[in-house]
């Protein structure tokens, strides 16, 4: 074996963690909206450990990957929840309009 022969590329710890989380295309550049969350000490220690071993650059990146992984693992369920929330929002808007029409109609 010559010195110039390349060794097979080893999977990085980050790649292994993301693969186990079922996150296909976790990219920091896709994250545009900040979300603030309070977490217990144990969760923060785990996030810090993931940062310390180089799996993620920051707590924020680790938390985002974990949340994305959790959602990706049950995408069908979360799609249904999103559809139901949109439907609920439309019904709430219609109810609000009906209430405003009723109140304003009695005042006019």
Protein backbone atom coordinates (compact mmCIF):
# COMPACT_ATOMS: atom_id res chain seq x y z
CA UNK A 1 0.00 0.00 0.00
CA UNK A 2 1.53 3.30 -1.03
CA UNK A 3 1.64 6.45 1.09
CA UNK A 4 -0.52 8.26 -1.44
CA UNK A 5 -3.37 5.76 -1.30
CA UNK A 6 -6.37 7.34 0.33
CA UNK A 7 -7.95 5.75 3.32
CA UNK A 8 -11.70 5.29 3.18
CA UNK A 9 -13.40 8.39 4.53
CA UNK A 10 -14.68 7.82 8.04
CA UNK A 11 -18.10 9.04 8.94
CA UNK A 12 -17.87 12.01 11.28
CA UNK A 13 -19.52 11.97 14.66
CA UNK A 14 -21.83 14.73 13.47
CA UNK A 15 -22.88 12.64 10.46
CA UNK A 16 -23.54 9.63 12.69
CA UNK A 17 -25.61 11.68 15.14
CA UNK A 18 -27.66 13.25 12.36
CA UNK A 19 -28.20 9.87 10.71
CA UNK A 20 -29.47 8.43 14.00
CA UNK A 21 -31.82 11.39 14.35
CA UNK A 22 -33.24 10.68 10.87
CA UNK A 23 -32.41 14.21 9.77
CA UNK A 24 -31.78 14.02 6.05
CA UNK A 25 -30.69 17.53 5.22
CA UNK A 26 -30.08 19.48 8.40
CA UNK A 27 -28.49 22.71 7.32
CA UNK A 28 -27.87 25.69 9.54
CA UNK A 29 -28.53 27.99 6.58
CA UNK A 30 -32.14 26.74 6.45
CA UNK A 31 -32.79 28.00 9.97
CA UNK A 32 -34.21 31.49 9.74
CA UNK A 33 -36.60 31.84 12.67
CA UNK A 34 -35.25 32.03 16.23
CA UNK A 35 -37.19 30.15 18.91
CA UNK A 36 -36.50 30.63 22.61
CA UNK A 37 -37.13 27.65 24.87
CA UNK A 38 -36.55 26.91 28.53
CA UNK A 39 -35.09 23.48 29.15
CA UNK A 40 -34.23 21.49 32.22
CA UNK A 41 -30.66 21.00 33.39
CA UNK A 42 -30.39 17.43 32.07
CA UNK A 43 -31.39 18.46 28.54
CA UNK A 44 -28.93 21.37 28.58
CA UNK A 45 -26.15 19.03 29.76
CA UNK A 46 -26.89 16.72 26.83
CA UNK A 47 -26.85 19.64 24.39
CA UNK A 48 -23.57 20.84 25.90
CA UNK A 49 -22.12 17.32 25.60
CA UNK A 50 -23.04 17.18 21.91
CA UNK A 51 -21.28 20.52 21.43
CA UNK A 52 -18.25 19.44 23.50
CA UNK A 53 -17.66 16.32 21.39
CA UNK A 54 -17.95 18.31 18.19
CA UNK A 55 -21.24 16.89 16.96
CA UNK A 56 -22.70 20.41 16.79
CA UNK A 57 -21.32 23.93 16.83
CA UNK A 58 -23.76 25.28 19.42
CA UNK A 59 -26.62 24.42 21.75
CA UNK A 60 -28.94 26.08 19.29
CA UNK A 61 -27.77 23.88 16.43
CA UNK A 62 -28.03 20.74 18.57
CA UNK A 63 -31.53 21.62 19.80
CA UNK A 64 -32.68 22.44 16.27
CA UNK A 65 -31.36 19.11 14.95
CA UNK A 66 -33.04 17.17 17.76
CA UNK A 67 -36.38 18.91 17.23
CA UNK A 68 -36.14 18.45 13.47
CA UNK A 69 -35.27 14.79 13.98
CA UNK A 70 -38.24 14.25 16.27
CA UNK A 71 -40.61 15.87 13.77
CA UNK A 72 -39.08 14.06 10.79
CA UNK A 73 -39.54 10.71 12.50
CA UNK A 74 -43.33 11.30 12.66
CA UNK A 75 -43.81 13.55 9.65
CA UNK A 76 -47.21 12.04 8.80
CA UNK A 77 -48.52 12.85 12.28
CA UNK A 78 -47.19 16.42 12.23
CA UNK A 79 -48.60 17.02 8.72
CA UNK A 80 -52.03 16.01 10.03
CA UNK A 81 -51.62 18.30 13.06
CA UNK A 82 -50.64 21.20 10.79
CA UNK A 83 -53.70 20.60 8.57
CA UNK A 84 -56.02 20.46 11.58
CA UNK A 85 -54.52 23.67 12.98
CA UNK A 86 -55.06 25.44 9.64
CA UNK A 87 -58.67 24.23 9.55
CA UNK A 88 -59.22 25.38 13.13
CA UNK A 89 -57.78 28.80 12.32
CA UNK A 90 -60.22 29.19 9.40
CA UNK A 91 -63.17 28.24 11.62
CA UNK A 92 -62.01 30.68 14.32
CA UNK A 93 -61.73 33.47 11.74
CA UNK A 94 -65.25 32.71 10.47
CA UNK A 95 -66.63 32.67 14.02
CA UNK A 96 -64.93 35.99 14.81
CA UNK A 97 -66.37 37.58 11.66
CA UNK A 98 -69.85 36.27 12.51
CA UNK A 99 -69.55 37.65 16.07
CA UNK A 100 -68.39 41.04 14.79
CA UNK A 101 -71.21 41.16 12.24
CA UNK A 102 -73.74 40.29 14.95
CA UNK A 103 -72.42 42.93 17.36
CA UNK A 104 -71.98 45.64 14.76
CA UNK A 105 -75.35 44.79 13.22
CA UNK A 106 -77.11 45.38 16.56
CA UNK A 107 -75.26 48.65 17.10
CA UNK A 108 -76.07 50.00 13.65
